[in-house]
Amino acid sequence: MNDNSHKSGNFWLGFFLGGLIGAFIIFVLGTKEGKKISRFLEDEEKDVKNKIDDKIHTLKTRSEKYLEEAGDLQKKVKQEVAAGAQKVSQTLVDRLDDSLGQLQEVQKKGVELTEAVRNRFFKKNGKHLSS
């Protein structure tokens, strides 16, 4: 019985909503006031659509501008990184060259020291000592 009353309640709710919708349609299509409201709503819809189209166009233009600026910035960063890498590479080459020059000097001094030690400790009367 409870299920039956529930179905009956749904019927009356649907009947009521259908009547309201029908009355609204008759009002909008059948009366001067309804036609004015309908035209007003159509005009508002066109205005809103035009505003939305303008906003979309503005956003599209801005996004294209930002993408172009981002591309330019990316190129600039790449150029600066390449220039920086070249500068760092040249600095490293210069430091390596200095280090190799210092190493050669150390080797020369090592050879001179070795000769001095050899002449001082391993020669007697100007002759090399033999084992």
N, C-alpha and C. Protein backbone atom coordinates (compact mmCIF):
# COMPACT_ATOMS: atom_id res chain seq x y z
N MET A 1 0.82 -1.17 0.00
CA MET A 1 0.00 0.00 0.00
C MET A 1 0.88 1.25 0.00
N ASN A 2 1.98 1.20 0.74
CA ASN A 2 2.90 2.32 0.79
C ASN A 2 3.49 2.58 -0.60
N ASP A 3 3.81 1.52 -1.34
CA ASP A 3 4.35 1.63 -2.69
C ASP A 3 3.34 2.26 -3.62
N ASN A 4 2.08 1.92 -3.43
CA ASN A 4 1.01 2.45 -4.26
C ASN A 4 0.85 3.96 -4.05
N SER A 5 0.94 4.41 -2.82
CA SER A 5 0.80 5.84 -2.53
C SER A 5 2.01 6.61 -3.07
N HIS A 6 3.18 5.97 -3.08
CA HIS A 6 4.39 6.59 -3.61
C HIS A 6 4.23 6.83 -5.11
N LYS A 7 3.71 5.83 -5.83
CA LYS A 7 3.47 5.97 -7.27
C LYS A 7 2.46 7.07 -7.53
N SER A 8 1.46 7.13 -6.72
CA SER A 8 0.43 8.14 -6.88
C SER A 8 1.01 9.53 -6.63
N GLY A 9 1.92 9.68 -5.64
CA GLY A 9 2.56 10.96 -5.36
C GLY A 9 3.43 11.40 -6.52
N ASN A 10 4.13 10.48 -7.15
CA ASN A 10 4.96 10.79 -8.31
C ASN A 10 4.10 11.26 -9.48
N PHE A 11 2.96 10.62 -9.63
CA PHE A 11 2.05 11.01 -10.71
C PHE A 11 1.62 12.47 -10.54
N TRP A 12 1.20 12.83 -9.34
CA TRP A 12 0.71 14.19 -9.10
C TRP A 12 1.85 15.22 -9.22
N LEU A 13 3.04 14.85 -8.80
CA LEU A 13 4.20 15.73 -8.95
C LEU A 13 4.48 15.97 -10.43
N GLY A 14 4.49 14.92 -11.22
CA GLY A 14 4.70 15.03 -12.67
C GLY A 14 3.61 15.83 -13.33
N PHE A 15 2.36 15.60 -12.91
CA PHE A 15 1.21 16.33 -13.45
C PHE A 15 1.36 17.83 -13.16
N PHE A 16 1.77 18.16 -11.93
CA PHE A 16 1.94 19.55 -11.51
C PHE A 16 3.07 20.22 -12.29
N LEU A 17 4.22 19.55 -12.39
CA LEU A 17 5.37 20.11 -13.13
C LEU A 17 5.03 20.28 -14.61
N GLY A 18 4.35 19.32 -15.18
CA GLY A 18 3.92 19.42 -16.58
C GLY A 18 3.01 20.62 -16.79
N GLY A 19 2.08 20.86 -15.84
CA GLY A 19 1.19 22.01 -15.93
C GLY A 19 1.97 23.31 -15.86
N LEU A 20 2.94 23.38 -14.95
CA LEU A 20 3.75 24.60 -14.85
C LEU A 20 4.54 24.88 -16.14
N ILE A 21 5.14 23.85 -16.68
CA ILE A 21 5.92 24.00 -17.91
C ILE A 21 5.00 24.41 -19.06
N GLY A 22 3.86 23.78 -19.15
CA GLY A 22 2.90 24.13 -20.20
C GLY A 22 2.44 25.57 -20.06
N ALA A 23 2.11 26.00 -18.85
CA ALA A 23 1.68 27.37 -18.62
C ALA A 23 2.78 28.35 -19.01
N PHE A 24 4.01 28.05 -18.69
CA PHE A 24 5.14 28.92 -19.04
C PHE A 24 5.26 29.03 -20.56
N ILE A 25 5.14 27.91 -21.27
CA ILE A 25 5.25 27.92 -22.74
C ILE A 25 4.11 28.74 -23.34
N ILE A 26 2.92 28.57 -22.84
CA ILE A 26 1.78 29.34 -23.34
C ILE A 26 2.01 30.83 -23.08
N PHE A 27 2.52 31.17 -21.90
CA PHE A 27 2.79 32.57 -21.55
C PHE A 27 3.81 33.17 -22.50
N VAL A 28 4.91 32.45 -22.74
CA VAL A 28 5.99 32.98 -23.56
C VAL A 28 5.57 33.09 -25.02
N LEU A 29 4.87 32.08 -25.54
CA LEU A 29 4.52 32.08 -26.96
C LEU A 29 3.19 32.78 -27.26
N GLY A 30 2.32 32.92 -26.27
CA GLY A 30 0.97 33.39 -26.57
C GLY A 30 0.65 34.79 -26.11
N THR A 31 1.49 35.43 -25.33
CA THR A 31 1.15 36.76 -24.84
C THR A 31 2.19 37.77 -25.29
N LYS A 32 1.76 39.05 -25.32
CA LYS A 32 2.69 40.12 -25.70
C LYS A 32 3.83 40.21 -24.70
N GLU A 33 3.53 40.13 -23.42
CA GLU A 33 4.56 40.18 -22.38
C GLU A 33 5.53 39.01 -22.52
N GLY A 34 5.01 37.84 -22.82
CA GLY A 34 5.86 36.66 -23.00
C GLY A 34 6.77 36.82 -24.19
N LYS A 35 6.25 37.41 -25.29
CA LYS A 35 7.08 37.63 -26.47
C LYS A 35 8.17 38.66 -26.17
N LYS A 36 7.83 39.71 -25.38
CA LYS A 36 8.84 40.70 -24.99
C LYS A 36 9.95 40.04 -24.17
N ILE A 37 9.52 39.20 -23.24
CA ILE A 37 10.51 38.49 -22.41
C ILE A 37 11.36 37.58 -23.28
N SER A 38 10.72 36.90 -24.24
CA SER A 38 11.45 36.01 -25.13
C SER A 38 12.47 36.78 -25.95
N ARG A 39 12.07 37.95 -26.52
CA ARG A 39 13.01 38.78 -27.30
C ARG A 39 14.13 39.29 -26.40
N PHE A 40 13.79 39.72 -25.19
CA PHE A 40 14.79 40.20 -24.24
C PHE A 40 15.82 39.11 -23.94
N LEU A 41 15.30 37.89 -23.71
CA LEU A 41 16.22 36.77 -23.43
C LEU A 41 17.08 36.46 -24.64
N GLU A 42 16.52 36.56 -25.84
CA GLU A 42 17.31 36.32 -27.06
C GLU A 42 18.41 37.38 -27.20
N ASP A 43 18.04 38.66 -26.95
CA ASP A 43 19.04 39.73 -27.03
C ASP A 43 20.14 39.54 -26.00
N GLU A 44 19.75 39.17 -24.78
CA GLU A 44 20.74 38.93 -23.73
C GLU A 44 21.66 37.77 -24.11
N GLU A 45 21.07 36.74 -24.70
CA GLU A 45 21.85 35.58 -25.13
C GLU A 45 22.87 35.99 -26.18
N LYS A 46 22.47 36.85 -27.12
CA LYS A 46 23.40 37.32 -28.15
C LYS A 46 24.51 38.17 -27.52
N ASP A 47 24.13 39.05 -26.57
CA ASP A 47 25.14 39.88 -25.90
C ASP A 47 26.15 39.01 -25.15
N VAL A 48 25.63 38.04 -24.43
CA VAL A 48 26.51 37.15 -23.66
C VAL A 48 27.41 36.37 -24.62
N LYS A 49 26.84 35.90 -25.73
CA LYS A 49 27.63 35.15 -26.71
C LYS A 49 28.72 36.04 -27.30
N ASN A 50 28.38 37.28 -27.63
CA ASN A 50 29.38 38.20 -28.17
C ASN A 50 30.48 38.50 -27.15
N LYS A 51 30.11 38.69 -25.90
CA LYS A 51 31.11 38.92 -24.85
C LYS A 51 32.03 37.72 -24.70
N ILE A 52 31.44 36.53 -24.73
CA ILE A 52 32.24 35.31 -24.61
C ILE A 52 33.17 35.19 -25.80
N ASP A 53 32.67 35.48 -27.01
CA ASP A 53 33.53 35.42 -28.20
C ASP A 53 34.68 36.42 -28.09
N ASP A 54 34.38 37.63 -27.59
CA ASP A 54 35.43 38.63 -27.41
C ASP A 54 36.48 38.15 -26.41
N LYS A 55 36.02 37.58 -25.30
CA LYS A 55 36.95 37.07 -24.28
C LYS A 55 37.81 35.95 -24.87
N ILE A 56 37.20 35.06 -25.64
CA ILE A 56 37.95 33.96 -26.25
C ILE A 56 39.00 34.51 -27.21
N HIS A 57 38.60 35.51 -28.01
CA HIS A 57 39.56 36.11 -28.95
C HIS A 57 40.71 36.77 -28.19
N THR A 58 40.37 37.50 -27.11
CA THR A 58 41.41 38.15 -26.30
C THR A 58 42.36 37.12 -25.70
N LEU A 59 41.80 36.06 -25.15
CA LEU A 59 42.64 35.01 -24.55
C LEU A 59 43.52 34.34 -25.60
N LYS A 60 42.95 34.11 -26.78
CA LYS A 60 43.72 33.47 -27.85
C LYS A 60 44.88 34.37 -28.27
N THR A 61 44.59 35.67 -28.41
CA THR A 61 45.63 36.62 -28.80
C THR A 61 46.73 36.68 -27.74
N ARG A 62 46.32 36.76 -26.48
CA ARG A 62 47.31 36.80 -25.40
C ARG A 62 48.14 35.53 -25.36
N SER A 63 47.48 34.38 -25.52
CA SER A 63 48.23 33.13 -25.44
C SER A 63 49.23 33.03 -26.59
N GLU A 64 48.84 33.50 -27.78
CA GLU A 64 49.78 33.48 -28.91
C GLU A 64 50.97 34.40 -28.62
N LYS A 65 50.67 35.57 -28.03
CA LYS A 65 51.73 36.51 -27.68
C LYS A 65 52.67 35.89 -26.65
N TYR A 66 52.10 35.25 -25.61
CA TYR A 66 52.92 34.63 -24.58
C TYR A 66 53.75 33.48 -25.14
N LEU A 67 53.17 32.70 -26.05
CA LEU A 67 53.93 31.61 -26.66
C LEU A 67 55.10 32.16 -27.49
N GLU A 68 54.84 33.26 -28.20
CA GLU A 68 55.91 33.87 -28.98
C GLU A 68 57.01 34.39 -28.07
N GLU A 69 56.62 35.06 -26.97
CA GLU A 69 57.61 35.57 -26.02
C GLU A 69 58.39 34.42 -25.38
N ALA A 70 57.70 33.32 -25.08
CA ALA A 70 58.37 32.16 -24.49
C ALA A 70 59.38 31.58 -25.48
N GLY A 71 59.02 31.53 -26.76
CA GLY A 71 59.95 31.03 -27.78
C GLY A 71 61.18 31.91 -27.89
N ASP A 72 60.95 33.25 -27.86
CA ASP A 72 62.08 34.18 -27.92
C ASP A 72 62.97 34.02 -26.70
N LEU A 73 62.35 33.89 -25.54
CA LEU A 73 63.12 33.72 -24.30
C LEU A 73 63.92 32.42 -24.34
N GLN A 74 63.31 31.37 -24.87
CA GLN A 74 64.01 30.08 -24.98
C GLN A 74 65.24 30.23 -25.87
N LYS A 75 65.09 30.91 -27.01
CA LYS A 75 66.24 31.12 -27.90
C LYS A 75 67.34 31.91 -27.20
N LYS A 76 66.93 32.96 -26.47
CA LYS A 76 67.90 33.80 -25.77
C LYS A 76 68.65 32.99 -24.72
N VAL A 77 67.92 32.18 -23.97
CA VAL A 77 68.55 31.35 -22.94
C VAL A 77 69.53 30.37 -23.57
N LYS A 78 69.13 29.76 -24.68
CA LYS A 78 70.02 28.82 -25.36
C LYS A 78 71.30 29.52 -25.82
N GLN A 79 71.15 30.74 -26.36
CA GLN A 79 72.33 31.48 -26.81
C GLN A 79 73.24 31.82 -25.64
N GLU A 80 72.62 32.26 -24.54
CA GLU A 80 73.43 32.62 -23.36
C GLU A 80 74.12 31.40 -22.77
N VAL A 81 73.42 30.28 -22.76
CA VAL A 81 74.03 29.05 -22.24
C VAL A 81 75.19 28.63 -23.15
N ALA A 82 74.98 28.74 -24.46
CA ALA A 82 76.05 28.37 -25.38
C ALA A 82 77.25 29.30 -25.21
N ALA A 83 76.98 30.60 -25.08
CA ALA A 83 78.08 31.57 -24.88
C ALA A 83 78.77 31.30 -23.55
N GLY A 84 77.99 31.03 -22.51
CA GLY A 84 78.57 30.72 -21.20
C GLY A 84 79.40 29.45 -21.25
N ALA A 85 78.90 28.45 -21.97
CA ALA A 85 79.63 27.18 -22.08
C ALA A 85 80.94 27.41 -22.82
N GLN A 86 80.90 28.24 -23.86
CA GLN A 86 82.12 28.52 -24.61
C GLN A 86 83.12 29.27 -23.72
N LYS A 87 82.62 30.23 -22.95
CA LYS A 87 83.49 30.99 -22.05
C LYS A 87 84.11 30.07 -21.00
N VAL A 88 83.26 29.20 -20.42
CA VAL A 88 83.76 28.25 -19.41
C VAL A 88 84.77 27.31 -20.05
N SER A 89 84.48 26.84 -21.27
CA SER A 89 85.42 25.95 -21.95
C SER A 89 86.76 26.64 -22.17
N GLN A 90 86.72 27.89 -22.61
CA GLN A 90 87.97 28.62 -22.84
C GLN A 90 88.72 28.82 -21.53
N THR A 91 88.00 29.12 -20.46
CA THR A 91 88.63 29.28 -19.15
C THR A 91 89.29 27.98 -18.72
N LEU A 92 88.59 26.87 -18.91
CA LEU A 92 89.16 25.57 -18.55
C LEU A 92 90.41 25.26 -19.38
N VAL A 93 90.36 25.58 -20.67
CA VAL A 93 91.52 25.34 -21.53
C VAL A 93 92.70 26.18 -21.05
N ASP A 94 92.44 27.45 -20.71
CA ASP A 94 93.52 28.32 -20.23
C ASP A 94 94.11 27.79 -18.92
N ARG A 95 93.28 27.37 -18.01
CA ARG A 95 93.77 26.84 -16.72
C ARG A 95 94.55 25.55 -16.92
N LEU A 96 94.05 24.69 -17.81
CA LEU A 96 94.75 23.44 -18.09
C LEU A 96 96.11 23.73 -18.70
N ASP A 97 96.17 24.71 -19.60
CA ASP A 97 97.45 25.08 -20.21
C ASP A 97 98.41 25.59 -19.15
N ASP A 98 97.93 26.44 -18.23
CA ASP A 98 98.77 26.93 -17.13
C ASP A 98 99.26 25.76 -16.28
N SER A 99 98.36 24.84 -15.97
CA SER A 99 98.73 23.69 -15.13
C SER A 99 99.79 22.83 -15.82
N LEU A 100 99.63 22.62 -17.11
CA LEU A 100 100.63 21.82 -17.85
C LEU A 100 101.97 22.54 -17.88
N GLY A 101 101.93 23.87 -18.02
CA GLY A 101 103.20 24.64 -17.99
C GLY A 101 103.88 24.50 -16.64
N GLN A 102 103.10 24.58 -15.56
CA GLN A 102 103.66 24.42 -14.22
C GLN A 102 104.20 23.01 -14.03
N LEU A 103 103.51 22.03 -14.56
CA LEU A 103 103.96 20.64 -14.47
C LEU A 103 105.30 20.46 -15.19
N GLN A 104 105.44 21.09 -16.35
CA GLN A 104 106.71 21.01 -17.07
C GLN A 104 107.84 21.64 -16.25
N GLU A 105 107.54 22.76 -15.61
CA GLU A 105 108.55 23.40 -14.76
C GLU A 105 108.96 22.49 -13.61
N VAL A 106 107.97 21.84 -12.99
CA VAL A 106 108.26 20.91 -11.89
C VAL A 106 109.10 19.75 -12.40
N GLN A 107 108.78 19.24 -13.60
CA GLN A 107 109.56 18.14 -14.16
C GLN A 107 111.00 18.57 -14.43
N LYS A 108 111.18 19.78 -14.96
CA LYS A 108 112.54 20.28 -15.23
C LYS A 108 113.33 20.38 -13.93
N LYS A 109 112.68 20.93 -12.90
CA LYS A 109 113.36 21.06 -11.61
C LYS A 109 113.67 19.69 -11.03
N GLY A 110 112.76 18.72 -11.25
CA GLY A 110 113.00 17.35 -10.78
C GLY A 110 114.21 16.73 -11.47
N VAL A 111 114.31 16.95 -12.78
CA VAL A 111 115.46 16.42 -13.53
C VAL A 111 116.74 17.08 -13.03
N GLU A 112 116.72 18.41 -12.84
CA GLU A 112 117.90 19.12 -12.35
C GLU A 112 118.30 18.62 -10.96
N LEU A 113 117.31 18.43 -10.09
CA LEU A 113 117.58 17.94 -8.74
C LEU A 113 118.15 16.53 -8.78
N THR A 114 117.58 15.70 -9.66
CA THR A 114 118.09 14.33 -9.78
C THR A 114 119.54 14.33 -10.23
N GLU A 115 119.89 15.18 -11.21
CA GLU A 115 121.28 15.27 -11.68
C GLU A 115 122.20 15.76 -10.56
N ALA A 116 121.72 16.73 -9.80
CA ALA A 116 122.55 17.26 -8.72
C ALA A 116 122.79 16.19 -7.66
N VAL A 117 121.76 15.45 -7.29
CA VAL A 117 121.91 14.37 -6.30
C VAL A 117 122.83 13.31 -6.85
N ARG A 118 122.65 12.98 -8.08
CA ARG A 118 123.47 11.93 -8.70
C ARG A 118 124.95 12.36 -8.73
N ASN A 119 125.18 13.59 -9.14
CA ASN A 119 126.57 14.08 -9.22
C ASN A 119 127.18 14.20 -7.82
N ARG A 120 126.39 14.53 -6.88
CA ARG A 120 126.93 14.74 -5.54
C ARG A 120 127.19 13.44 -4.81
N PHE A 121 126.25 12.49 -4.96
CA PHE A 121 126.37 11.27 -4.15
C PHE A 121 126.84 10.04 -4.91
N PHE A 122 126.77 10.04 -6.21
CA PHE A 122 127.11 8.82 -6.94
C PHE A 122 128.31 8.98 -7.87
N LYS A 123 129.10 9.98 -7.64
CA LYS A 123 130.35 10.15 -8.40
C LYS A 123 131.49 10.34 -7.42
N LYS A 124 132.59 9.78 -7.81
CA LYS A 124 133.79 9.95 -6.99
C LYS A 124 134.93 10.30 -7.94
N ASN A 125 135.54 11.39 -7.69
CA ASN A 125 136.63 11.86 -8.53
C ASN A 125 136.16 12.05 -9.98
N GLY A 126 134.89 12.51 -10.17
CA GLY A 126 134.35 12.76 -11.49
C GLY A 126 133.93 11.53 -12.23
N LYS A 127 134.01 10.33 -11.61
CA LYS A 127 133.60 9.09 -12.29
C LYS A 127 132.40 8.53 -11.58
N HIS A 128 131.53 7.89 -12.36
CA HIS A 128 130.36 7.24 -11.78
C HIS A 128 130.76 6.03 -10.97
N LEU A 129 130.10 5.87 -9.84
CA LEU A 129 130.35 4.70 -9.03
C LEU A 129 129.68 3.50 -9.65
N SER A 130 130.33 2.39 -9.60
CA SER A 130 129.71 1.17 -10.16
C SER A 130 129.43 0.22 -9.03
N SER A 131 128.50 -0.64 -9.23
CA SER A 131 128.14 -1.56 -8.17
C SER A 131 128.94 -2.80 -8.14
